[in-house]
Amino acid sequence: MISNFSGNTKKYLFALFIILCLESPLFALDFNSGFAGIGPEINGHSRDSFSFGGDLTLGIDLNKYFSAGFKTAFFDDFDSLSAIETLLFLRYYLPLPKITNGPFAQMEAGNVIYFERGYHENFEAFPSFSGGLSIGWHFNLGEHWYVEPVARGGYPHIWGFGVTAGIRFNGAGVNQTAIVSEQEKEIKEGDVIDDMKIIKDDDDNLRLQVFSIMFRNNQADFAGLSDETVKSNYETLRHVAEFLSKYKNYRIIIEGHANPTTPEGRARDQERNTIIRLSEQRAHKVLEIINEFGVSYDRMSVVGAGFSKMLAPYNDNENNWKNRRVEIILIKE
């Protein structure tokens, strides 16, 4: 079908394809860091021989997923053959968002020059194509250092294995850079989500006070509330979830609070357990909604505080709404 298009149409389609690729997050270029490494290698050749040597790698991180660079290596089988290899490579890091070390696949293509020793140690040089696929695992060692075990296959190296150690410049890695920087993110007192502000409590914990979630009277659900109120509840919790998703290195405790219905005394003591249970159920409802918006259950837990931490007297009709709230406690791991 494409063969029926005119030459100019094909050019436009190709240009559109390139633009779409460049606009994709997968191909967006930002050149966030470079790296250099060196290490030993062992290779098996098509000539039924082994060679030992070392390589030097220089590269640049194109974006969050890809790196490209140059690699040169020297090999010798300690018998009759030596080789110098030069390669260009394109590397793709598999995105594993929960770890700081990860696998990668690397395509390589270039040239190898063999030096074959003959009688009287005369060398005969002959070039050959070199290329293949390498797979490896990237291990961060601190902020800048790294080590990578790598296995390769292709031509003329039927197989190979090496370990590269090196240093990164202006970052700790590609996919790893994003992960490490995410883990280093910190929530600060005073950060604002919509009209909600991060505060510090007496125990120096960070808290997000959410006052705007409305529940059915004496219940832990939204049944019977207006569509506008339910929509507002979900919109608020969506913004909270988006904020929490940016800081995955924080454990989350969702603490429910409620307003008592009786003055201090025996009657209030009798309703204490009921109010604690209600506040815990409301906290769990908030947890479920935040989970729907992408925050993992593994990070979250709930607690019912009842009316143990009131912000206003129960009979202060202008301010006791502050007692009916959810607080999100953020604990850095």
Foldseek 3Di string as FASTA:
>chain_A
DVVPDDPVVVVVVVVVVVVVQCPDLVNPFDQQKKKKKKWKKWFQFPVRAIKIWMKIWIWTARAQFKIKTKMWIWIDRVPFKIKIWIKIKMKTWDQDQPDLKGKIKMWIWGKMWMWGADPPRHTDIDMDIDIWMKMWMWDFDPWWKIKIWMWIDDPRGRIMIMMIIITMGNTGDRNSRVNVVLQVDDDDFQDDQPNWTWHADPVRWTKTWFLLQDDDPLAQHNPPPDPVSVVVNLVSLLSVLVVCVSRVQKAKEKEFFDAFDDDDDDVSVVCQVSQQVRRQSNSVVSVVSSVVSPDDPVRYDYGRPYHVPFPDHNPPVVPRSSRGIMMMTIGGD
